[in-house]
């Protein structure tokens, strides 16, 4: 979770900027936490103390309304409705890291990730992204190596992790 929050803060100045290189300062005077950190803490709170994901997301949204929430989430949280809005974005995957630490089995990881996602991101892609991130965290904690993690994500979730994006190198070993 701390790594996710650090990554959020580091990336905050690059979001939407189109940064395509690795040579940049990790922290700048403009670096800040975003909605992803806020909701990551909300997920952790539910896992630690109980409660409902919807209520936690509302509560944290209203505590940090200027954290950079997306338009769909802002409308949903402001309305205080209980129904999801069929999002397929990456927000559910960005807030899910605490699940990979709290779960005691892969099955529990996948179920908790689904529950944390589907209250807003009920599109299958929104759920699948959250499950993939939580599963990698859980399996890494169990000692899985990089190749095993890549294989699991490709097999279970159907993601192609061997694609190269511009100047970045391949992340997973070739099949």
N, C-alpha and C. Protein backbone atom coordinates (compact mmCIF):
# COMPACT_ATOMS: atom_id res chain seq x y z
N UNK A 1 0.82 -1.19 0.00
CA UNK A 1 0.00 0.00 0.00
C UNK A 1 0.87 1.26 0.00
N UNK A 2 1.94 1.23 0.77
CA UNK A 2 2.83 2.39 0.80
C UNK A 2 3.47 2.61 -0.57
N UNK A 3 3.81 1.52 -1.25
CA UNK A 3 4.36 1.64 -2.59
C UNK A 3 3.36 2.23 -3.56
N UNK A 4 2.09 1.84 -3.43
CA UNK A 4 1.05 2.39 -4.30
C UNK A 4 0.88 3.88 -4.06
N UNK A 5 0.91 4.28 -2.80
CA UNK A 5 0.75 5.70 -2.48
C UNK A 5 1.97 6.50 -2.94
N UNK A 6 3.17 5.95 -2.73
CA UNK A 6 4.37 6.63 -3.22
C UNK A 6 4.32 6.77 -4.74
N UNK A 7 3.93 5.69 -5.42
CA UNK A 7 3.81 5.76 -6.88
C UNK A 7 2.78 6.78 -7.33
N UNK A 8 1.69 6.89 -6.59
CA UNK A 8 0.67 7.88 -6.91
C UNK A 8 1.22 9.29 -6.78
N UNK A 9 1.93 9.54 -5.70
CA UNK A 9 2.51 10.87 -5.48
C UNK A 9 3.56 11.19 -6.55
N UNK A 10 4.43 10.22 -6.82
CA UNK A 10 5.47 10.42 -7.85
C UNK A 10 4.82 10.67 -9.21
N UNK A 11 3.80 9.91 -9.53
CA UNK A 11 3.15 10.03 -10.83
C UNK A 11 2.18 11.19 -10.96
N UNK A 12 1.84 11.81 -9.85
CA UNK A 12 0.81 12.86 -9.89
C UNK A 12 1.15 13.99 -10.86
N UNK A 13 2.40 14.34 -10.98
CA UNK A 13 2.78 15.44 -11.88
C UNK A 13 2.88 14.98 -13.34
N UNK A 14 2.82 13.68 -13.57
CA UNK A 14 2.95 13.14 -14.92
C UNK A 14 1.61 12.70 -15.51
N UNK A 15 0.59 12.59 -14.66
CA UNK A 15 -0.71 12.14 -15.14
C UNK A 15 -1.23 13.11 -16.19
N UNK A 16 -1.50 12.58 -17.36
CA UNK A 16 -1.98 13.40 -18.46
C UNK A 16 -0.89 14.19 -19.17
N UNK A 17 0.35 14.09 -18.70
CA UNK A 17 1.44 14.88 -19.29
C UNK A 17 2.12 14.16 -20.45
N UNK A 18 1.85 12.88 -20.61
CA UNK A 18 2.47 12.14 -21.71
C UNK A 18 3.94 11.84 -21.51
N UNK A 19 4.41 11.77 -20.29
CA UNK A 19 5.82 11.47 -20.01
C UNK A 19 6.15 10.08 -20.55
N UNK A 20 7.16 9.99 -21.39
CA UNK A 20 7.54 8.72 -22.01
C UNK A 20 9.00 8.38 -21.78
N UNK A 21 9.57 8.86 -20.70
CA UNK A 21 10.97 8.56 -20.40
C UNK A 21 11.10 8.26 -18.91
N UNK A 22 12.23 7.70 -18.56
CA UNK A 22 12.45 7.29 -17.17
C UNK A 22 13.32 8.26 -16.38
N UNK A 23 13.80 9.27 -17.01
CA UNK A 23 14.71 10.22 -16.37
C UNK A 23 13.93 11.43 -15.88
N UNK A 24 13.39 11.33 -14.68
CA UNK A 24 12.65 12.44 -14.09
C UNK A 24 12.82 12.39 -12.57
N UNK A 25 12.69 13.51 -11.90
CA UNK A 25 12.80 13.50 -10.45
C UNK A 25 11.61 12.76 -9.84
N UNK A 26 11.86 12.01 -8.80
CA UNK A 26 10.76 11.28 -8.18
C UNK A 26 9.76 12.20 -7.51
N UNK A 27 10.23 13.21 -6.85
CA UNK A 27 9.34 14.14 -6.17
C UNK A 27 9.66 15.57 -6.61
N UNK A 28 8.63 16.35 -6.81
CA UNK A 28 8.79 17.76 -7.16
C UNK A 28 7.94 18.57 -6.17
N UNK A 29 8.10 19.88 -6.16
CA UNK A 29 7.26 20.70 -5.28
C UNK A 29 5.76 20.56 -5.58
N UNK A 30 5.43 20.07 -6.79
CA UNK A 30 4.02 19.92 -7.18
C UNK A 30 3.49 18.51 -6.96
N UNK A 31 4.33 17.58 -6.55
CA UNK A 31 3.89 16.21 -6.28
C UNK A 31 2.90 16.20 -5.12
N UNK A 32 1.84 15.41 -5.28
CA UNK A 32 0.81 15.34 -4.24
C UNK A 32 0.07 14.01 -4.34
N UNK A 33 -0.63 13.65 -3.30
CA UNK A 33 -1.48 12.47 -3.37
C UNK A 33 -2.70 12.81 -4.22
N UNK A 34 -3.31 11.78 -4.78
CA UNK A 34 -4.50 11.97 -5.60
C UNK A 34 -5.63 11.10 -5.08
N UNK A 35 -6.70 11.09 -5.83
CA UNK A 35 -7.85 10.26 -5.50
C UNK A 35 -7.48 8.79 -5.34
N UNK A 36 -6.45 8.34 -6.06
CA UNK A 36 -6.05 6.94 -5.95
C UNK A 36 -5.53 6.62 -4.55
N UNK A 37 -4.73 7.50 -3.98
CA UNK A 37 -4.26 7.30 -2.60
C UNK A 37 -5.41 7.39 -1.61
N UNK A 38 -6.28 8.35 -1.81
CA UNK A 38 -7.41 8.55 -0.90
C UNK A 38 -8.27 7.28 -0.84
N UNK A 39 -8.58 6.72 -2.00
CA UNK A 39 -9.44 5.54 -2.01
C UNK A 39 -8.70 4.27 -1.62
N UNK A 40 -7.39 4.24 -1.81
CA UNK A 40 -6.58 3.12 -1.31
C UNK A 40 -6.69 3.07 0.22
N UNK A 41 -6.63 4.21 0.85
CA UNK A 41 -6.77 4.28 2.31
C UNK A 41 -8.19 3.89 2.71
N UNK A 42 -9.18 4.27 1.93
CA UNK A 42 -10.56 3.88 2.22
C UNK A 42 -10.72 2.36 2.18
N UNK A 43 -10.11 1.71 1.19
CA UNK A 43 -10.16 0.24 1.10
C UNK A 43 -9.50 -0.37 2.33
N UNK A 44 -8.33 0.14 2.69
CA UNK A 44 -7.63 -0.37 3.87
C UNK A 44 -8.49 -0.23 5.13
N UNK A 45 -9.17 0.89 5.26
CA UNK A 45 -10.01 1.10 6.44
C UNK A 45 -11.12 0.05 6.52
N UNK A 46 -11.77 -0.24 5.40
CA UNK A 46 -12.83 -1.25 5.39
C UNK A 46 -12.25 -2.61 5.76
N UNK A 47 -11.09 -2.95 5.22
CA UNK A 47 -10.50 -4.25 5.50
C UNK A 47 -10.05 -4.37 6.96
N UNK A 48 -9.57 -3.28 7.53
CA UNK A 48 -9.10 -3.31 8.91
C UNK A 48 -10.22 -3.24 9.94
N UNK A 49 -11.22 -2.41 9.67
CA UNK A 49 -12.22 -2.11 10.69
C UNK A 49 -13.64 -2.53 10.32
N UNK A 50 -13.82 -3.06 9.12
CA UNK A 50 -15.15 -3.43 8.69
C UNK A 50 -15.86 -2.25 8.06
N UNK A 51 -17.08 -2.49 7.69
CA UNK A 51 -17.85 -1.44 7.05
C UNK A 51 -18.13 -1.77 5.61
N UNK A 52 -18.62 -0.79 4.94
CA UNK A 52 -19.09 -0.95 3.57
C UNK A 52 -18.22 -0.11 2.64
N UNK A 53 -17.83 -0.69 1.51
CA UNK A 53 -16.98 0.04 0.56
C UNK A 53 -17.67 1.32 0.07
N UNK A 54 -18.96 1.25 -0.22
CA UNK A 54 -19.67 2.43 -0.72
C UNK A 54 -19.57 3.56 0.31
N UNK A 55 -19.89 3.25 1.55
CA UNK A 55 -19.86 4.28 2.59
C UNK A 55 -18.45 4.84 2.79
N UNK A 56 -17.45 3.97 2.74
CA UNK A 56 -16.06 4.43 2.90
C UNK A 56 -15.65 5.34 1.75
N UNK A 57 -16.02 4.97 0.52
CA UNK A 57 -15.67 5.80 -0.63
C UNK A 57 -16.34 7.17 -0.53
N UNK A 58 -17.61 7.19 -0.13
CA UNK A 58 -18.31 8.47 0.07
C UNK A 58 -17.60 9.31 1.12
N UNK A 59 -17.31 8.69 2.24
CA UNK A 59 -16.69 9.40 3.35
C UNK A 59 -15.36 10.03 2.94
N UNK A 60 -14.52 9.25 2.27
CA UNK A 60 -13.21 9.76 1.87
C UNK A 60 -13.33 10.79 0.75
N UNK A 61 -14.29 10.63 -0.13
CA UNK A 61 -14.52 11.64 -1.17
C UNK A 61 -14.87 12.98 -0.53
N UNK A 62 -15.75 12.95 0.45
CA UNK A 62 -16.18 14.20 1.07
C UNK A 62 -15.10 14.80 1.97
N UNK A 63 -14.18 13.98 2.46
CA UNK A 63 -13.04 14.51 3.23
C UNK A 63 -12.00 15.16 2.33
N UNK A 64 -11.83 14.62 1.12
CA UNK A 64 -10.78 15.07 0.18
C UNK A 64 -11.39 15.35 -1.19
N UNK A 65 -12.33 16.28 -1.29
CA UNK A 65 -13.03 16.50 -2.57
C UNK A 65 -12.14 17.05 -3.68
N UNK A 66 -10.99 17.60 -3.34
CA UNK A 66 -10.11 18.20 -4.34
C UNK A 66 -8.93 17.31 -4.71
N UNK A 67 -9.06 16.01 -4.47
CA UNK A 67 -7.95 15.08 -4.72
C UNK A 67 -7.83 14.65 -6.17
N UNK A 68 -8.68 15.15 -7.04
CA UNK A 68 -8.56 14.82 -8.46
C UNK A 68 -9.45 13.68 -8.92
N UNK A 69 -10.57 13.51 -8.28
CA UNK A 69 -11.50 12.44 -8.68
C UNK A 69 -12.00 12.68 -10.09
N UNK A 70 -12.26 11.59 -10.79
CA UNK A 70 -12.82 11.68 -12.13
C UNK A 70 -14.27 12.12 -12.09
N UNK A 71 -14.75 12.59 -13.22
CA UNK A 71 -16.12 13.10 -13.29
C UNK A 71 -17.18 12.09 -12.93
N UNK A 72 -17.04 10.87 -13.42
CA UNK A 72 -18.03 9.83 -13.10
C UNK A 72 -18.07 9.53 -11.62
N UNK A 73 -16.90 9.41 -11.02
CA UNK A 73 -16.86 9.13 -9.59
C UNK A 73 -17.43 10.31 -8.80
N UNK A 74 -17.09 11.53 -9.20
CA UNK A 74 -17.59 12.71 -8.49
C UNK A 74 -19.12 12.77 -8.52
N UNK A 75 -19.71 12.51 -9.68
CA UNK A 75 -21.17 12.53 -9.77
C UNK A 75 -21.77 11.43 -8.90
N UNK A 76 -21.15 10.24 -8.94
CA UNK A 76 -21.63 9.11 -8.14
C UNK A 76 -21.54 9.44 -6.65
N UNK A 77 -20.40 9.93 -6.20
CA UNK A 77 -20.20 10.21 -4.78
C UNK A 77 -21.07 11.37 -4.31
N UNK A 78 -21.23 12.37 -5.14
CA UNK A 78 -22.05 13.52 -4.75
C UNK A 78 -23.52 13.13 -4.63
N UNK A 79 -23.95 12.18 -5.44
CA UNK A 79 -25.36 11.76 -5.43
C UNK A 79 -25.69 10.86 -4.24
N UNK A 80 -24.65 10.22 -3.70
CA UNK A 80 -24.82 9.26 -2.60
C UNK A 80 -25.77 8.12 -2.96
N UNK A 81 -25.89 7.86 -4.26
CA UNK A 81 -26.66 6.70 -4.70
C UNK A 81 -25.92 5.42 -4.36
N UNK A 82 -26.60 4.31 -4.37
CA UNK A 82 -25.98 3.04 -4.00
C UNK A 82 -25.62 2.19 -5.21
N UNK A 83 -25.97 2.62 -6.39
CA UNK A 83 -25.74 1.81 -7.59
C UNK A 83 -24.45 2.23 -8.29
N UNK A 84 -23.72 1.26 -8.84
CA UNK A 84 -22.48 1.57 -9.57
C UNK A 84 -22.80 2.27 -10.89
N UNK A 85 -21.75 2.78 -11.53
CA UNK A 85 -21.96 3.53 -12.77
C UNK A 85 -21.24 2.88 -13.96
N UNK A 86 -21.00 1.59 -13.89
CA UNK A 86 -20.48 0.79 -15.01
C UNK A 86 -19.15 1.28 -15.54
N UNK A 87 -18.30 1.78 -14.65
CA UNK A 87 -16.99 2.25 -15.09
C UNK A 87 -16.08 1.07 -15.43
N UNK A 88 -15.28 1.24 -16.45
CA UNK A 88 -14.28 0.24 -16.81
C UNK A 88 -12.87 0.82 -16.70
N UNK A 89 -12.75 1.97 -16.05
CA UNK A 89 -11.46 2.64 -15.90
C UNK A 89 -10.55 1.94 -14.90
N UNK A 90 -9.38 2.54 -14.68
CA UNK A 90 -8.37 1.90 -13.83
C UNK A 90 -8.48 2.27 -12.35
N UNK A 91 -9.45 3.07 -11.97
CA UNK A 91 -9.58 3.48 -10.58
C UNK A 91 -9.73 2.32 -9.62
N UNK A 92 -10.46 1.29 -10.02
CA UNK A 92 -10.64 0.14 -9.14
C UNK A 92 -9.33 -0.60 -8.92
N UNK A 93 -8.47 -0.62 -9.92
CA UNK A 93 -7.16 -1.26 -9.78
C UNK A 93 -6.21 -0.39 -8.97
N UNK A 94 -6.37 0.90 -9.04
CA UNK A 94 -5.48 1.81 -8.31
C UNK A 94 -5.73 1.79 -6.80
N UNK A 95 -6.95 1.51 -6.39
CA UNK A 95 -7.28 1.53 -4.96
C UNK A 95 -7.22 0.17 -4.29
N UNK A 96 -6.96 -0.89 -5.02
CA UNK A 96 -7.08 -2.26 -4.51
C UNK A 96 -5.86 -2.82 -3.76
N UNK A 97 -4.68 -2.20 -3.76
CA UNK A 97 -3.53 -2.84 -3.12
C UNK A 97 -3.73 -3.38 -1.70
N UNK A 98 -4.48 -2.74 -0.83
CA UNK A 98 -4.63 -3.32 0.51
C UNK A 98 -5.25 -4.72 0.50
N UNK A 99 -6.05 -5.02 -0.51
CA UNK A 99 -6.67 -6.35 -0.61
C UNK A 99 -5.60 -7.43 -0.72
N UNK A 100 -4.56 -7.17 -1.52
CA UNK A 100 -3.48 -8.15 -1.70
C UNK A 100 -2.71 -8.43 -0.42
N UNK A 101 -2.79 -7.53 0.53
CA UNK A 101 -2.14 -7.73 1.83
C UNK A 101 -3.07 -8.32 2.86
N UNK A 102 -4.34 -8.03 2.79
CA UNK A 102 -5.28 -8.47 3.82
C UNK A 102 -5.79 -9.90 3.59
N UNK A 103 -5.89 -10.31 2.35
CA UNK A 103 -6.48 -11.62 2.04
C UNK A 103 -5.57 -12.77 2.49
N UNK A 104 -6.22 -13.87 2.83
CA UNK A 104 -5.49 -15.05 3.30
C UNK A 104 -5.37 -16.15 2.25
N UNK A 105 -6.04 -15.97 1.12
CA UNK A 105 -5.95 -16.94 0.03
C UNK A 105 -6.17 -16.19 -1.28
N UNK A 106 -5.81 -16.84 -2.38
CA UNK A 106 -6.03 -16.21 -3.68
C UNK A 106 -7.52 -16.05 -3.94
N UNK A 107 -8.31 -17.03 -3.54
CA UNK A 107 -9.75 -16.95 -3.74
C UNK A 107 -10.34 -15.75 -2.99
N UNK A 108 -9.90 -15.57 -1.73
CA UNK A 108 -10.37 -14.43 -0.96
C UNK A 108 -9.89 -13.12 -1.59
N UNK A 109 -8.68 -13.11 -2.11
CA UNK A 109 -8.15 -11.93 -2.79
C UNK A 109 -9.05 -11.54 -3.95
N UNK A 110 -9.39 -12.50 -4.77
CA UNK A 110 -10.21 -12.21 -5.95
C UNK A 110 -11.60 -11.73 -5.56
N UNK A 111 -12.17 -12.32 -4.51
CA UNK A 111 -13.51 -11.91 -4.06
C UNK A 111 -13.49 -10.51 -3.46
N UNK A 112 -12.51 -10.23 -2.61
CA UNK A 112 -12.43 -8.89 -2.02
C UNK A 112 -12.14 -7.83 -3.08
N UNK A 113 -11.30 -8.15 -4.03
CA UNK A 113 -11.01 -7.21 -5.11
C UNK A 113 -12.28 -6.91 -5.90
N UNK A 114 -13.05 -7.94 -6.18
CA UNK A 114 -14.32 -7.76 -6.90
C UNK A 114 -15.26 -6.87 -6.09
N UNK A 115 -15.39 -7.15 -4.80
CA UNK A 115 -16.29 -6.36 -3.96
C UNK A 115 -15.85 -4.90 -3.87
N UNK A 116 -14.53 -4.67 -3.78
CA UNK A 116 -14.03 -3.29 -3.69
C UNK A 116 -14.23 -2.54 -5.00
N UNK A 117 -14.23 -3.27 -6.11
CA UNK A 117 -14.35 -2.65 -7.43
C UNK A 117 -15.78 -2.41 -7.85
N UNK A 118 -16.63 -3.42 -7.68
CA UNK A 118 -17.94 -3.40 -8.32
C UNK A 118 -18.90 -2.34 -7.80
N UNK A 119 -18.60 -1.71 -6.69
CA UNK A 119 -19.51 -0.67 -6.20
C UNK A 119 -19.48 0.56 -7.10
N UNK A 120 -18.43 0.73 -7.88
CA UNK A 120 -18.36 1.80 -8.88
C UNK A 120 -18.01 1.23 -10.24
N UNK A 121 -17.00 0.38 -10.31
CA UNK A 121 -16.48 -0.17 -11.56
C UNK A 121 -17.08 -1.55 -11.81
N UNK A 122 -18.36 -1.60 -12.10
CA UNK A 122 -19.03 -2.88 -12.28
C UNK A 122 -18.94 -3.42 -13.70
N UNK A 123 -18.26 -2.72 -14.57
CA UNK A 123 -17.96 -3.27 -15.90
C UNK A 123 -16.95 -4.40 -15.70
N UNK A 124 -17.06 -5.49 -16.43
CA UNK A 124 -16.13 -6.62 -16.26
C UNK A 124 -14.65 -6.22 -16.31
N UNK A 125 -14.30 -5.24 -17.14
CA UNK A 125 -12.90 -4.81 -17.22
C UNK A 125 -12.45 -4.10 -15.95
N UNK A 126 -13.33 -3.33 -15.34
CA UNK A 126 -13.01 -2.67 -14.09
C UNK A 126 -12.76 -3.67 -12.97
N UNK A 127 -13.57 -4.72 -12.93
CA UNK A 127 -13.40 -5.78 -11.92
C UNK A 127 -12.14 -6.58 -12.21
N UNK A 128 -11.94 -6.95 -13.46
CA UNK A 128 -10.79 -7.77 -13.85
C UNK A 128 -9.47 -7.06 -13.54
N UNK A 129 -9.40 -5.76 -13.79
CA UNK A 129 -8.18 -5.01 -13.51
C UNK A 129 -7.86 -5.00 -12.02
N UNK A 130 -8.88 -4.80 -11.19
CA UNK A 130 -8.68 -4.80 -9.74
C UNK A 130 -8.24 -6.18 -9.28
N UNK A 131 -8.86 -7.21 -9.80
CA UNK A 131 -8.48 -8.58 -9.41
C UNK A 131 -7.05 -8.90 -9.82
N UNK A 132 -6.64 -8.47 -10.99
CA UNK A 132 -5.28 -8.75 -11.46
C UNK A 132 -4.24 -8.09 -10.55
N UNK A 133 -4.46 -6.84 -10.20
CA UNK A 133 -3.50 -6.14 -9.34
C UNK A 133 -3.46 -6.78 -7.96
N UNK A 134 -4.61 -7.06 -7.38
CA UNK A 134 -4.65 -7.67 -6.05
C UNK A 134 -4.02 -9.06 -6.06
N UNK A 135 -4.26 -9.83 -7.12
CA UNK A 135 -3.69 -11.18 -7.22
C UNK A 135 -2.17 -11.12 -7.28
N UNK A 136 -1.62 -10.19 -8.05
CA UNK A 136 -0.17 -10.07 -8.16
C UNK A 136 0.43 -9.73 -6.79
N UNK A 137 -0.18 -8.83 -6.08
CA UNK A 137 0.33 -8.46 -4.75
C UNK A 137 0.26 -9.66 -3.81
N UNK A 138 -0.86 -10.35 -3.80
CA UNK A 138 -1.00 -11.52 -2.94
C UNK A 138 0.05 -12.59 -3.28
N UNK A 139 0.17 -12.91 -4.57
CA UNK A 139 1.10 -13.96 -4.99
C UNK A 139 2.56 -13.56 -4.75
N UNK A 140 2.88 -12.30 -4.94
CA UNK A 140 4.24 -11.82 -4.67
C UNK A 140 4.55 -11.99 -3.18
N UNK A 141 3.58 -11.74 -2.33
CA UNK A 141 3.77 -11.93 -0.88
C UNK A 141 4.01 -13.40 -0.54
N UNK A 142 3.50 -14.28 -1.40
CA UNK A 142 3.70 -15.72 -1.18
C UNK A 142 5.03 -16.20 -1.76
N UNK A 143 5.78 -15.30 -2.38
CA UNK A 143 7.10 -15.65 -2.90
C UNK A 143 7.15 -15.92 -4.39
N UNK A 144 6.07 -15.67 -5.11
CA UNK A 144 6.08 -15.91 -6.56
C UNK A 144 7.10 -14.98 -7.23
N UNK A 145 7.81 -15.51 -8.21
CA UNK A 145 8.79 -14.70 -8.94
C UNK A 145 8.10 -13.98 -10.10
N UNK A 146 8.85 -13.10 -10.74
CA UNK A 146 8.31 -12.25 -11.80
C UNK A 146 7.69 -13.07 -12.94
N UNK A 147 8.39 -14.11 -13.38
CA UNK A 147 7.88 -14.92 -14.48
C UNK A 147 6.57 -15.60 -14.10
N UNK A 148 6.48 -16.09 -12.88
CA UNK A 148 5.24 -16.74 -12.42
C UNK A 148 4.09 -15.75 -12.33
N UNK A 149 4.40 -14.56 -11.86
CA UNK A 149 3.36 -13.53 -11.77
C UNK A 149 2.83 -13.17 -13.16
N UNK A 150 3.75 -12.99 -14.09
CA UNK A 150 3.34 -12.67 -15.46
C UNK A 150 2.49 -13.79 -16.05
N UNK A 151 2.93 -15.01 -15.86
CA UNK A 151 2.20 -16.16 -16.39
C UNK A 151 0.79 -16.23 -15.80
N UNK A 152 0.68 -16.02 -14.51
CA UNK A 152 -0.63 -16.07 -13.84
C UNK A 152 -1.56 -14.99 -14.38
N UNK A 153 -1.05 -13.77 -14.54
CA UNK A 153 -1.88 -12.67 -15.02
C UNK A 153 -2.31 -12.91 -16.46
N UNK A 154 -1.39 -13.40 -17.28
CA UNK A 154 -1.75 -13.67 -18.67
C UNK A 154 -2.77 -14.80 -18.77
N UNK A 155 -2.55 -15.85 -18.00
CA UNK A 155 -3.45 -17.02 -18.07
C UNK A 155 -4.80 -16.73 -17.44
N UNK A 156 -4.81 -16.21 -16.24
CA UNK A 156 -6.06 -16.02 -15.50
C UNK A 156 -6.88 -14.85 -16.03
N UNK A 157 -6.22 -13.76 -16.40
CA UNK A 157 -6.94 -12.54 -16.76
C UNK A 157 -6.87 -12.18 -18.23
N UNK A 158 -6.03 -12.87 -19.00
CA UNK A 158 -5.98 -12.65 -20.43
C UNK A 158 -5.23 -11.40 -20.87
N UNK A 159 -4.43 -10.83 -19.99
CA UNK A 159 -3.64 -9.66 -20.36
C UNK A 159 -2.36 -10.10 -21.06
N UNK A 160 -1.98 -9.38 -22.12
CA UNK A 160 -0.72 -9.63 -22.82
C UNK A 160 0.34 -8.71 -22.21
N UNK A 161 1.19 -9.28 -21.36
CA UNK A 161 2.20 -8.49 -20.67
C UNK A 161 3.52 -8.42 -21.43
N UNK A 162 3.57 -8.94 -22.63
CA UNK A 162 4.81 -8.93 -23.39
C UNK A 162 4.86 -7.77 -24.39
N UNK A 163 3.79 -7.01 -24.47
CA UNK A 163 3.76 -5.86 -25.38
C UNK A 163 4.75 -4.81 -24.92
N UNK A 164 5.31 -4.11 -25.88
CA UNK A 164 6.25 -3.03 -25.59
C UNK A 164 5.56 -1.70 -25.87
N UNK A 165 5.68 -0.79 -24.95
CA UNK A 165 5.09 0.54 -25.13
C UNK A 165 6.23 1.52 -25.36
N UNK A 166 6.35 1.98 -26.60
CA UNK A 166 7.35 2.95 -27.02
C UNK A 166 8.74 2.60 -26.49
N UNK A 167 9.35 3.44 -25.68
CA UNK A 167 10.73 3.26 -25.26
C UNK A 167 10.89 2.30 -24.08
N UNK A 168 9.78 1.83 -23.52
CA UNK A 168 9.89 0.94 -22.38
C UNK A 168 10.21 -0.48 -22.83
N UNK A 169 10.91 -1.19 -22.00
CA UNK A 169 11.29 -2.56 -22.35
C UNK A 169 10.21 -3.54 -21.94
N UNK A 170 10.31 -4.73 -22.46
CA UNK A 170 9.37 -5.80 -22.11
C UNK A 170 9.50 -6.10 -20.63
N UNK A 171 8.39 -6.23 -19.98
CA UNK A 171 8.40 -6.45 -18.53
C UNK A 171 8.47 -7.91 -18.15
N UNK A 172 7.94 -8.78 -19.00
CA UNK A 172 7.90 -10.21 -18.68
C UNK A 172 8.82 -10.96 -19.63
N UNK A 173 9.40 -12.03 -19.13
CA UNK A 173 10.27 -12.82 -20.03
C UNK A 173 9.47 -13.42 -21.17
N UNK A 174 10.08 -13.56 -22.34
CA UNK A 174 9.35 -14.15 -23.47
C UNK A 174 8.92 -15.58 -23.14
N UNK A 175 7.75 -15.94 -23.69
CA UNK A 175 7.12 -17.24 -23.43
C UNK A 175 8.02 -18.36 -23.66
